[in-house]
N, C-alpha and C. Protein backbone atom coordinates (compact mmCIF):
# COMPACT_ATOMS: atom_id res chain seq x y z
N MET A 1 -12.67 -14.25 -5.88
CA MET A 1 -13.04 -15.52 -4.72
C MET A 1 -13.64 -14.06 -4.30
N LYS A 2 -14.23 -14.83 -3.43
CA LYS A 2 -15.69 -14.59 -2.12
C LYS A 2 -15.81 -15.35 -0.90
N GLY A 3 -16.02 -14.89 0.43
CA GLY A 3 -16.01 -16.09 1.51
C GLY A 3 -16.75 -14.91 2.96
N ASN A 4 -17.43 -15.45 3.18
CA ASN A 4 -17.55 -13.59 4.71
C ASN A 4 -18.14 -13.15 4.03
N ASN A 5 -18.43 -12.60 2.98
CA ASN A 5 -18.84 -11.25 2.62
C ASN A 5 -17.86 -10.19 2.92
N GLU A 6 -16.91 -10.78 1.93
CA GLU A 6 -16.00 -9.93 1.58
C GLU A 6 -15.29 -9.95 0.36
N TRP A 7 -15.15 -8.39 0.20
CA TRP A 7 -14.80 -8.27 -1.25
C TRP A 7 -12.74 -8.62 -0.76
N TYR A 8 -12.37 -9.90 -1.85
CA TYR A 8 -10.63 -10.34 -1.58
C TYR A 8 -10.30 -9.77 -3.48
N PHE A 9 -8.95 -9.06 -2.98
CA PHE A 9 -8.14 -8.57 -3.15
C PHE A 9 -7.48 -9.55 -4.17
N PRO A 10 -7.30 -10.59 -5.73
CA PRO A 10 -7.82 -9.15 -6.76
C PRO A 10 -8.69 -9.94 -7.10
N HIS A 11 -9.42 -8.43 -7.29
CA HIS A 11 -10.85 -9.35 -8.14
C HIS A 11 -11.28 -7.41 -9.18
N ASN A 12 -12.04 -7.85 -9.50
CA ASN A 12 -12.62 -7.15 -10.43
C ASN A 12 -13.26 -5.92 -9.92
N MET A 13 -12.57 -4.75 -9.82
CA MET A 13 -12.88 -3.12 -9.41
C MET A 13 -13.92 -2.89 -8.96
N ARG A 14 -14.97 -3.39 -10.61
CA ARG A 14 -16.71 -2.81 -10.49
C ARG A 14 -17.01 -3.35 -8.96
N HIS A 15 -15.87 -4.27 -8.37
CA HIS A 15 -17.31 -4.71 -7.67
C HIS A 15 -17.04 -4.24 -6.01
N ILE A 16 -16.04 -3.48 -5.92
CA ILE A 16 -16.77 -2.80 -4.36
C ILE A 16 -18.09 -1.91 -4.15
N ASN A 17 -17.60 -1.96 -2.84
CA ASN A 17 -18.64 -1.36 -1.94
C ASN A 17 -18.54 0.15 -1.86
N ASP A 18 -18.51 0.85 -2.90
CA ASP A 18 -17.95 2.63 -1.92
C ASP A 18 -19.41 2.72 -1.35
N LYS A 19 -19.65 2.08 0.26
CA LYS A 19 -20.54 2.91 0.30
C LYS A 19 -20.66 4.50 0.52
N ASP A 20 -19.23 5.34 0.72
CA ASP A 20 -19.36 7.03 1.84
C ASP A 20 -18.66 7.09 0.52
N ASN A 21 -18.95 6.79 -0.92
CA ASN A 21 -18.15 7.49 -1.66
C ASN A 21 -17.53 8.33 -2.47
N ILE A 22 -16.22 7.53 -1.45
CA ILE A 22 -14.84 7.75 -1.66
C ILE A 22 -13.97 8.06 -3.14
N LEU A 23 -15.24 6.90 -3.73
CA LEU A 23 -13.98 7.37 -5.27
C LEU A 23 -14.61 8.83 -6.07
N VAL A 24 -16.47 9.18 -5.64
CA VAL A 24 -17.17 9.99 -6.04
C VAL A 24 -16.46 11.66 -5.76
N ASN A 25 -16.33 11.41 -4.03
CA ASN A 25 -16.32 12.96 -3.31
C ASN A 25 -15.05 13.51 -3.03
N SER A 26 -13.63 12.56 -3.27
CA SER A 26 -12.71 12.99 -2.76
C SER A 26 -11.36 13.91 -4.37
N ASP A 27 -10.86 14.59 -3.26
CA ASP A 27 -10.19 15.39 -4.57
C ASP A 27 -9.28 14.94 -4.44
N LYS A 28 -8.34 14.17 -3.98
CA LYS A 28 -6.37 13.45 -4.06
C LYS A 28 -7.32 11.61 -3.08
N ILE A 29 -6.34 10.92 -3.81
CA ILE A 29 -6.74 9.56 -4.09
C ILE A 29 -5.85 8.47 -3.85
N PHE A 30 -5.65 8.13 -2.38
CA PHE A 30 -4.33 7.79 -2.20
C PHE A 30 -4.26 5.98 -1.95
N VAL A 31 -3.32 5.66 -3.19
CA VAL A 31 -3.61 4.39 -2.62
C VAL A 31 -2.37 3.50 -1.90
N SER A 32 -2.97 2.85 -0.40
CA SER A 32 -2.18 2.22 0.31
C SER A 32 -1.82 0.27 0.63
N PHE A 33 -1.56 0.49 2.00
CA PHE A 33 -0.66 -0.64 2.69
C PHE A 33 -1.09 -0.75 3.71
N ARG A 34 -1.75 -1.33 4.38
CA ARG A 34 -1.47 -1.54 5.51
C ARG A 34 -1.44 -3.34 6.47
N PHE A 35 -0.55 -3.50 7.27
CA PHE A 35 -0.91 -4.72 7.73
C PHE A 35 -0.69 -4.57 8.81
N ASP A 36 -1.75 -5.59 9.74
CA ASP A 36 -2.01 -5.93 10.80
C ASP A 36 -1.72 -6.74 11.79
N LEU A 37 -0.29 -6.35 12.15
CA LEU A 37 0.97 -7.40 12.92
C LEU A 37 0.21 -7.89 14.08
N LYS A 38 -0.99 -8.40 14.98
CA LYS A 38 -1.28 -8.68 15.79
C LYS A 38 -2.42 -9.59 15.33
N THR A 39 -3.85 -9.06 14.24
CA THR A 39 -3.63 -10.08 13.75
C THR A 39 -3.57 -10.95 12.39
N TYR A 40 -2.25 -10.34 11.77
CA TYR A 40 -2.24 -10.66 10.33
C TYR A 40 -2.33 -10.15 9.29
N LYS A 41 -3.18 -9.33 9.51
CA LYS A 41 -5.05 -9.47 7.57
C LYS A 41 -3.95 -7.90 6.99
N SER A 42 -4.43 -8.31 5.87
CA SER A 42 -2.92 -7.40 5.21
C SER A 42 -4.92 -6.92 4.14
N TRP A 43 -4.11 -5.24 3.83
CA TRP A 43 -5.02 -4.66 3.04
C TRP A 43 -4.61 -3.88 1.98
N VAL A 44 -5.16 -3.47 0.66
CA VAL A 44 -4.91 -2.35 0.03
C VAL A 44 -6.30 -0.82 0.19
N VAL A 45 -5.71 -0.06 0.75
CA VAL A 45 -6.56 0.83 1.46
C VAL A 45 -6.44 2.32 0.37
N ILE A 46 -7.50 2.24 0.08
CA ILE A 46 -8.52 3.70 -0.28
C ILE A 46 -8.35 4.87 0.05
N THR A 47 -7.67 5.40 0.39
CA THR A 47 -8.02 6.96 1.06
C THR A 47 -8.08 7.85 1.14
N GLY A 48 -9.64 8.82 0.04
CA GLY A 48 -9.91 9.81 -0.40
C GLY A 48 -10.23 11.13 0.60
N ARG A 49 -8.92 12.13 -0.11
CA ARG A 49 -9.57 13.39 1.31
C ARG A 49 -9.83 14.13 -0.17
N THR A 50 -10.70 15.46 1.17
CA THR A 50 -10.85 16.05 0.10
C THR A 50 -10.27 17.70 1.15
N TYR A 51 -10.30 18.32 0.13
CA TYR A 51 -9.54 19.78 1.02
C TYR A 51 -10.30 21.43 0.86
N LYS A 52 -10.15 22.02 0.97
CA LYS A 52 -10.33 23.69 1.01
C LYS A 52 -9.66 24.10 1.22
N ASN A 53 -9.69 25.16 0.71
CA ASN A 53 -8.14 26.32 0.70
C ASN A 53 -6.70 25.38 0.97
N GLY A 54 -6.93 24.33 0.70
CA GLY A 54 -5.56 23.87 1.52
C GLY A 54 -5.49 23.31 1.99
N SER A 55 -7.09 23.58 3.43
CA SER A 55 -6.56 22.28 4.05
C SER A 55 -7.23 20.96 4.83
N LEU A 56 -6.89 19.56 5.14
CA LEU A 56 -7.66 18.63 5.00
C LEU A 56 -9.72 19.19 6.08
N THR A 57 -10.21 18.56 5.01
CA THR A 57 -11.55 18.57 5.32
C THR A 57 -12.39 17.07 5.16
N SER A 58 -12.12 16.46 4.77
CA SER A 58 -12.07 15.00 4.81
C SER A 58 -11.09 14.12 4.71
N SER A 59 -11.51 11.77 5.16
CA SER A 59 -10.76 11.19 5.91
C SER A 59 -11.54 9.92 5.26
N ASN A 60 -11.57 9.37 4.19
CA ASN A 60 -12.48 8.33 4.56
C ASN A 60 -11.81 6.90 4.03
N GLU A 61 -11.05 6.19 4.44
CA GLU A 61 -11.26 4.62 3.95
C GLU A 61 -11.66 3.73 2.99
N LEU A 62 -11.26 3.25 2.80
CA LEU A 62 -11.68 1.56 1.41
C LEU A 62 -11.25 0.57 2.39
N LEU A 63 -11.67 -0.76 2.49
CA LEU A 63 -10.30 -1.51 2.64
C LEU A 63 -10.98 -2.52 1.35
N LEU A 64 -10.20 -3.35 0.58
CA LEU A 64 -9.91 -4.26 0.56
C LEU A 64 -8.98 -5.08 0.74
N PRO A 65 -9.40 -6.35 1.03
CA PRO A 65 -8.22 -6.95 1.96
C PRO A 65 -8.13 -8.03 1.05
N THR A 66 -6.40 -8.89 1.19
CA THR A 66 -6.02 -8.99 0.62
C THR A 66 -5.61 -10.02 0.99
N PRO A 67 -5.41 -12.14 -0.06
CA PRO A 67 -4.55 -12.66 0.44
C PRO A 67 -3.65 -12.80 1.85
N GLU A 68 -3.59 -13.65 2.86
CA GLU A 68 -2.55 -13.98 4.00
C GLU A 68 -1.59 -12.88 2.73
N ILE A 69 -0.27 -12.08 4.19
CA ILE A 69 1.17 -12.23 3.04
C ILE A 69 1.81 -12.79 4.22
N GLN A 70 3.09 -13.24 3.09
CA GLN A 70 4.35 -14.24 3.61
C GLN A 70 4.04 -13.46 4.91
N LEU A 71 5.53 -14.00 5.74
CA LEU A 71 6.25 -13.05 6.50
C LEU A 71 6.22 -14.54 7.56
N VAL A 72 7.68 -14.90 7.89
CA VAL A 72 8.02 -15.90 8.59
C VAL A 72 9.12 -15.69 9.67
N GLY A 73 8.56 -15.81 11.03
CA GLY A 73 9.41 -16.43 11.98
C GLY A 73 10.27 -16.84 12.39
N GLY A 74 11.22 -16.13 13.46
CA GLY A 74 12.34 -16.49 14.33
C GLY A 74 13.36 -16.90 13.49
N VAL A 75 14.70 -17.05 13.39
CA VAL A 75 15.74 -16.62 12.26
C VAL A 75 15.31 -16.54 10.60
N CYS A 76 16.46 -15.86 10.81
CA CYS A 76 16.07 -14.53 9.15
C CYS A 76 17.34 -15.35 8.01
N SER A 77 17.35 -16.09 7.47
CA SER A 77 18.36 -16.48 6.30
C SER A 77 18.03 -16.09 4.54
N ASN A 78 18.98 -16.42 4.31
CA ASN A 78 18.56 -16.20 2.59
C ASN A 78 18.03 -16.89 2.62
N PHE A 79 17.82 -17.84 2.64
CA PHE A 79 15.94 -18.78 1.87
C PHE A 79 15.01 -17.35 2.62
N VAL A 80 14.85 -17.48 3.55
CA VAL A 80 13.23 -16.96 3.82
C VAL A 80 13.44 -15.25 3.57
N ALA A 81 15.02 -14.84 3.90
CA ALA A 81 15.20 -12.70 2.57
C ALA A 81 14.58 -13.27 1.50
N MET A 82 14.27 -14.14 1.17
CA MET A 82 13.77 -14.47 -0.67
C MET A 82 12.35 -14.57 -0.69
N ARG A 83 11.58 -15.44 -0.06
CA ARG A 83 10.73 -15.66 0.38
C ARG A 83 9.12 -13.46 0.76
N MET A 84 10.59 -13.04 1.73
CA MET A 84 10.49 -11.75 1.91
C MET A 84 10.42 -11.25 0.54
N LEU A 85 11.07 -11.30 -0.64
CA LEU A 85 11.29 -10.37 -1.28
C LEU A 85 9.99 -10.93 -1.97
N GLU A 86 9.81 -11.92 -2.30
CA GLU A 86 8.31 -12.67 -3.15
C GLU A 86 7.29 -11.66 -2.46
N GLY A 87 6.87 -11.51 -1.46
CA GLY A 87 6.02 -11.13 -0.73
C GLY A 87 5.59 -9.80 -1.13
N GLN A 88 7.46 -8.82 -1.35
CA GLN A 88 7.69 -7.38 -1.38
C GLN A 88 6.65 -7.21 -2.60
N LYS A 89 7.22 -7.92 -3.96
CA LYS A 89 6.50 -7.69 -4.52
C LYS A 89 5.28 -8.44 -5.46
N PHE A 90 4.45 -9.33 -4.77
CA PHE A 90 3.23 -9.22 -4.14
C PHE A 90 2.11 -7.87 -3.92
N VAL A 91 2.83 -7.45 -2.95
CA VAL A 91 2.07 -6.47 -2.34
C VAL A 91 3.02 -5.05 -3.12
N SER A 92 3.77 -5.15 -4.04
CA SER A 92 3.95 -3.95 -4.94
C SER A 92 3.14 -4.35 -6.14
N GLY A 93 2.41 -5.26 -5.94
CA GLY A 93 2.23 -5.59 -7.50
C GLY A 93 0.48 -5.40 -7.58
N ALA A 94 0.60 -5.77 -5.92
CA ALA A 94 -1.31 -4.85 -5.42
C ALA A 94 -1.22 -3.98 -5.01
N LEU A 95 -0.36 -3.01 -5.52
CA LEU A 95 -0.52 -1.35 -5.11
C LEU A 95 -0.40 -0.94 -6.67
N ASP A 96 -0.06 -1.62 -6.89
CA ASP A 96 0.32 -0.97 -9.10
C ASP A 96 -1.40 -1.22 -9.68
N GLU A 97 -1.59 -2.52 -9.48
CA GLU A 97 -2.88 -3.29 -9.30
C GLU A 97 -3.84 -2.01 -9.60
N VAL A 98 -3.87 -1.93 -7.57
CA VAL A 98 -5.33 -0.33 -7.58
C VAL A 98 -5.04 0.37 -8.20
N TYR A 99 -3.86 1.32 -8.24
CA TYR A 99 -3.53 2.60 -9.14
C TYR A 99 -3.94 2.99 -9.97
N TYR A 100 -2.85 1.68 -10.79
CA TYR A 100 -3.59 2.21 -12.53
C TYR A 100 -4.89 1.74 -12.98
N TYR A 101 -5.57 0.36 -11.73
CA TYR A 101 -6.69 0.77 -12.35
C TYR A 101 -8.03 2.25 -12.21
N LEU A 102 -7.69 2.58 -11.36
CA LEU A 102 -8.16 3.67 -9.86
C LEU A 102 -7.87 5.45 -10.88
N LYS A 103 -6.32 5.35 -11.81
CA LYS A 103 -6.06 6.47 -13.04
C LYS A 103 -6.75 6.47 -13.50
N TYR A 104 -6.48 5.42 -14.58
CA TYR A 104 -6.71 4.79 -15.83
C TYR A 104 -8.18 4.99 -15.92
N SER A 105 -9.26 4.64 -15.45
CA SER A 105 -10.59 4.71 -14.95
C SER A 105 -11.45 5.65 -15.21
N LEU A 106 -10.41 7.06 -14.28
CA LEU A 106 -10.70 8.18 -14.75
C LEU A 106 -9.92 9.16 -15.59
N GLU A 107 -9.26 8.56 -15.97
CA GLU A 107 -8.83 9.82 -16.86
C GLU A 107 -9.80 8.73 -18.18
N PHE A 108 -10.01 7.54 -18.54
CA PHE A 108 -10.68 6.97 -19.82
C PHE A 108 -12.08 6.97 -19.21
N ASP A 109 -12.27 7.87 -18.54
CA ASP A 109 -13.46 8.17 -18.48
C ASP A 109 -14.86 6.44 -18.44
N ASP A 110 -13.92 5.93 -17.21
CA ASP A 110 -14.92 4.44 -16.83
C ASP A 110 -14.91 4.22 -15.54
N LEU A 111 -15.26 5.23 -14.93
CA LEU A 111 -16.03 4.95 -13.99
C LEU A 111 -17.91 5.38 -13.35
N HIS A 112 -18.61 5.23 -14.60
CA HIS A 112 -19.55 6.42 -14.26
C HIS A 112 -20.18 4.74 -13.50
N TYR A 113 -19.73 3.99 -13.66
CA TYR A 113 -20.37 3.02 -12.52
C TYR A 113 -20.83 3.21 -10.79
N PHE A 114 -19.84 4.60 -10.27
CA PHE A 114 -19.50 4.07 -9.09
C PHE A 114 -20.33 5.63 -9.47
N GLY A 115 -20.92 6.57 -9.98
CA GLY A 115 -21.48 7.92 -10.21
C GLY A 115 -20.28 9.08 -10.15
N VAL A 116 -19.34 8.62 -10.55
CA VAL A 116 -18.38 10.09 -11.11
C VAL A 116 -18.39 10.88 -10.94
N PRO A 117 -18.34 12.36 -11.31
CA PRO A 117 -19.62 12.96 -12.55
C PRO A 117 -19.02 13.71 -13.37
N GLU A 118 -18.63 13.47 -14.52
CA GLU A 118 -17.77 14.33 -15.71
C GLU A 118 -16.27 15.46 -15.13
N GLU A 119 -17.14 16.99 -14.90
CA GLU A 119 -16.76 17.90 -14.23
C GLU A 119 -15.54 16.94 -12.55
N ARG A 120 -16.05 16.00 -12.83
CA ARG A 120 -15.23 15.39 -10.99
C ARG A 120 -13.92 14.68 -11.91
N LYS A 121 -14.07 13.73 -13.12
CA LYS A 121 -12.41 12.68 -12.62
C LYS A 121 -11.90 13.16 -13.47
N LYS A 122 -11.28 15.04 -14.23
CA LYS A 122 -9.76 15.22 -14.53
C LYS A 122 -9.31 15.84 -13.65
N LYS A 123 -10.01 16.02 -12.18
CA LYS A 123 -9.86 16.78 -10.90
C LYS A 123 -9.61 16.06 -10.02
N ILE A 124 -9.56 15.08 -9.93
CA ILE A 124 -9.55 14.09 -8.77
C ILE A 124 -7.62 13.51 -9.48
N GLU A 125 -7.08 13.19 -8.13
CA GLU A 125 -4.85 13.04 -8.26
C GLU A 125 -5.32 11.18 -7.52
N VAL A 126 -4.99 10.82 -8.42
CA VAL A 126 -5.00 9.49 -7.48
C VAL A 126 -3.07 8.87 -7.61
N ILE A 127 -3.22 8.87 -6.18
CA ILE A 127 -1.56 8.36 -5.70
C ILE A 127 -1.24 7.52 -4.93
N LYS A 128 -0.33 6.55 -5.29
CA LYS A 128 0.48 5.52 -4.98
C LYS A 128 1.45 5.47 -4.06
N VAL A 129 1.25 4.69 -2.79
CA VAL A 129 2.02 4.90 -1.45
C VAL A 129 2.53 3.80 -0.95
N ASP A 130 4.05 3.63 -1.76
CA ASP A 130 4.03 2.24 -1.35
C ASP A 130 5.55 2.60 -0.70
N ARG A 131 5.44 1.81 0.70
CA ARG A 131 6.33 2.27 1.39
C ARG A 131 7.02 1.01 2.21
N CYS A 132 7.75 -0.04 1.42
CA CYS A 132 7.36 -1.42 1.23
C CYS A 132 7.80 -2.31 2.32
N PRO A 133 7.18 -2.79 2.72
CA PRO A 133 6.13 -2.64 4.07
C PRO A 133 7.26 -4.28 4.56
N TYR A 134 8.60 -5.55 4.28
CA TYR A 134 8.89 -6.11 4.10
C TYR A 134 10.60 -5.82 4.05
N GLY A 135 10.88 -4.14 4.19
CA GLY A 135 11.76 -3.84 4.55
C GLY A 135 13.44 -4.06 5.19
N PRO A 136 12.87 -4.06 6.04
CA PRO A 136 13.60 -4.81 7.99
C PRO A 136 14.02 -6.52 6.96
N PHE A 137 13.31 -7.07 6.32
CA PHE A 137 13.47 -8.26 5.93
C PHE A 137 14.52 -8.90 4.53
N LEU A 138 14.69 -7.06 3.95
CA LEU A 138 15.56 -7.22 2.34
C LEU A 138 16.42 -7.38 2.12
N TYR A 139 17.28 -8.33 3.70
CA TYR A 139 18.74 -8.37 3.05
C TYR A 139 19.48 -9.74 3.28
N LEU A 140 20.45 -10.15 3.22
CA LEU A 140 21.11 -11.28 2.84
C LEU A 140 22.44 -11.47 3.83
N THR A 141 23.20 -12.82 3.94
CA THR A 141 24.04 -12.28 5.08
C THR A 141 24.83 -13.59 4.01
N ASP A 142 26.15 -12.64 3.76
CA ASP A 142 27.53 -14.20 3.06
C ASP A 142 28.01 -14.54 4.22
N SER A 143 28.93 -15.75 5.11
CA SER A 143 29.74 -16.87 4.85
C SER A 143 29.86 -16.14 6.52
N ASP A 144 30.00 -15.33 6.22
CA ASP A 144 30.70 -14.38 7.34
C ASP A 144 29.96 -13.81 8.45
N ARG A 145 28.68 -14.17 8.22
CA ARG A 145 27.38 -13.69 8.65
C ARG A 145 27.32 -11.88 8.81
N ASN A 146 28.18 -10.77 7.26
CA ASN A 146 27.92 -9.87 6.65
C ASN A 146 26.81 -9.43 6.43
N ILE A 147 26.09 -8.32 6.36
CA ILE A 147 24.64 -8.41 6.20
C ILE A 147 25.03 -7.30 4.49
N LYS A 148 23.93 -7.98 3.79
CA LYS A 148 24.37 -6.68 2.57
C LYS A 148 22.81 -7.03 1.84
N TYR A 149 22.07 -5.49 2.35
CA TYR A 149 20.30 -5.01 1.38
C TYR A 149 20.34 -5.79 -0.08
N MET A 150 19.58 -6.01 0.25
CA MET A 150 19.16 -6.08 -2.00
C MET A 150 19.09 -5.11 -2.57
N ASP A 151 19.81 -5.34 -3.85
CA ASP A 151 19.80 -4.12 -4.82
C ASP A 151 18.31 -3.42 -4.75
N PHE A 152 16.95 -4.65 -5.00
CA PHE A 152 15.70 -4.42 -4.93
C PHE A 152 15.64 -3.16 -3.84
N LEU A 153 16.14 -3.85 -2.53
CA LEU A 153 14.90 -2.14 -1.41
C LEU A 153 16.68 -0.85 -1.61
N THR A 154 17.56 -0.94 -1.80
CA THR A 154 18.12 -0.22 -2.14
C THR A 154 17.74 1.35 -3.34
N GLU A 155 17.30 0.22 -3.88
CA GLU A 155 17.56 0.48 -6.03
C GLU A 155 15.74 1.46 -5.13
N ASN A 156 14.80 0.67 -4.63
CA ASN A 156 13.46 0.81 -5.00
C ASN A 156 12.93 1.78 -4.01
N TYR A 157 13.40 1.72 -2.80
CA TYR A 157 12.69 1.98 -1.36
C TYR A 157 14.06 2.36 -1.21
N PRO A 158 14.35 3.60 -0.97
CA PRO A 158 15.89 4.25 -0.23
C PRO A 158 15.84 4.02 0.40
N GLU A 159 14.09 5.41 0.72
CA GLU A 159 14.35 5.40 1.86
C GLU A 159 13.18 4.31 3.07
N ALA A 160 13.60 3.47 2.86
CA ALA A 160 12.51 2.87 3.37
C ALA A 160 13.70 2.07 3.88
N CYS A 161 14.60 1.82 3.46
CA CYS A 161 16.33 1.17 3.75
C CYS A 161 16.80 1.73 4.68
N ARG A 162 17.18 3.31 4.06
CA ARG A 162 17.40 3.88 4.97
C ARG A 162 17.13 3.81 7.17
N TYR A 163 15.17 3.47 6.68
CA TYR A 163 15.70 3.47 7.88
C TYR A 163 14.99 2.08 8.64
N ALA A 164 14.98 0.82 7.34
CA ALA A 164 15.02 -0.25 8.54
C ALA A 164 16.71 -0.52 8.88
N ILE A 165 17.66 0.03 8.44
CA ILE A 165 19.23 0.00 7.99
C ILE A 165 19.65 0.29 9.96
N GLY A 166 18.04 1.57 10.47
CA GLY A 166 18.35 1.93 11.27
C GLY A 166 17.73 1.32 13.40
N CYS A 167 16.41 0.80 12.04
CA CYS A 167 15.04 0.07 13.29
C CYS A 167 15.65 -1.07 13.73
N THR A 168 14.79 -1.55 15.00
CA THR A 168 15.33 -2.61 15.91
C THR A 168 14.98 -3.62 16.07
N SER A 169 12.87 -2.98 15.74
CA SER A 169 12.62 -4.67 15.40
C SER A 169 11.11 -3.98 13.78
N PHE A 170 11.02 -5.43 13.25
CA PHE A 170 8.80 -4.50 12.31
C PHE A 170 7.77 -4.63 12.95
N GLU A 171 8.39 -4.69 14.50
CA GLU A 171 6.74 -3.43 14.87
C GLU A 171 7.66 -2.07 14.59
N LYS A 172 8.85 -1.60 15.15
CA LYS A 172 8.34 -0.69 15.69
C LYS A 172 8.59 0.32 14.04
N TYR A 173 9.51 -0.87 13.26
CA TYR A 173 9.11 -0.06 11.20
C TYR A 173 8.05 0.40 10.71
N LEU A 174 7.39 -0.86 12.35
CA LEU A 174 5.29 -0.45 10.91
C LEU A 174 5.49 0.90 11.12
N ASN A 175 5.01 1.12 12.73
CA ASN A 175 4.45 1.83 13.60
C ASN A 175 5.63 3.32 12.95
N GLU A 176 6.52 3.45 12.82
CA GLU A 176 7.35 4.53 13.34
C GLU A 176 7.21 4.43 11.59
N TYR A 177 7.79 4.48 11.13
CA TYR A 177 7.93 4.63 9.48
C TYR A 177 6.47 4.55 8.40
N HIS A 178 6.16 2.83 8.43
CA HIS A 178 5.23 2.02 7.11
C HIS A 178 4.36 2.84 7.05
N ASP A 179 3.66 3.49 8.84
CA ASP A 179 2.06 3.04 8.70
C ASP A 179 1.86 4.97 8.40
N LYS A 180 3.50 5.27 8.57
CA LYS A 180 3.65 7.26 8.51
C LYS A 180 1.18 7.00 7.98
N ASP A 181 1.06 8.52 8.24
CA ASP A 181 0.15 9.07 7.63
C ASP A 181 0.63 8.80 5.62
N VAL A 182 -0.39 8.48 4.59
CA VAL A 182 -0.24 8.70 3.23
C VAL A 182 0.31 10.02 2.21
N GLU A 183 -0.24 10.90 3.59
CA GLU A 183 0.66 12.38 2.96
C GLU A 183 1.56 13.15 3.88
N CYS A 184 1.83 11.91 4.67
CA CYS A 184 3.51 12.47 5.06
C CYS A 184 5.02 12.91 4.33
N GLN A 185 5.16 12.04 3.60
CA GLN A 185 5.78 12.33 2.43
C GLN A 185 5.74 13.90 1.64
N LEU A 186 4.47 13.42 1.94
CA LEU A 186 3.98 15.44 -0.41
C LEU A 186 4.70 15.96 1.62
N ARG A 187 4.24 16.59 2.85
CA ARG A 187 4.44 17.47 3.54
C ARG A 187 5.53 17.89 3.87
N GLU A 188 7.10 17.02 3.84
CA GLU A 188 8.37 16.82 4.92
C GLU A 188 8.54 17.87 3.19
């Protein structure tokens, strides 16, 4: 669906307007998620990067707006936590959809309509970066108000879980963990 001349996710990826030729010129393409706490807007972000002699030479982003994500203010309850789990599964699914579309399109020569030269297709690396934006909310409490983080978080996102446990606010979680540069974990 379209509105206000914006491209909304999910949609047929062939309608992406890649005016910066991110898909054509990049050595690596990162697929990540961004949420703006001030505007409550969110995007699947395609970051294309080029390198020369191992050093970053350019970085461009293509933003794919997502439907408004689930975020509940106020007191967190087990009911709210389950809604946050639903939101995280949506984000993970959106990232998977774009990641696999790009990966398989490059692998099976389906990006000809973007103008990706044949000799470049096999050289472009596609990397999914899913840092679980809902991490701080994915816990349940028992009748004694003891907190237990969901197995979904501890098993699928152990690093996000470690950070969420010690984090004092969602804003801090986003700024200091989730919104780190897409390559920061690759360098550590």
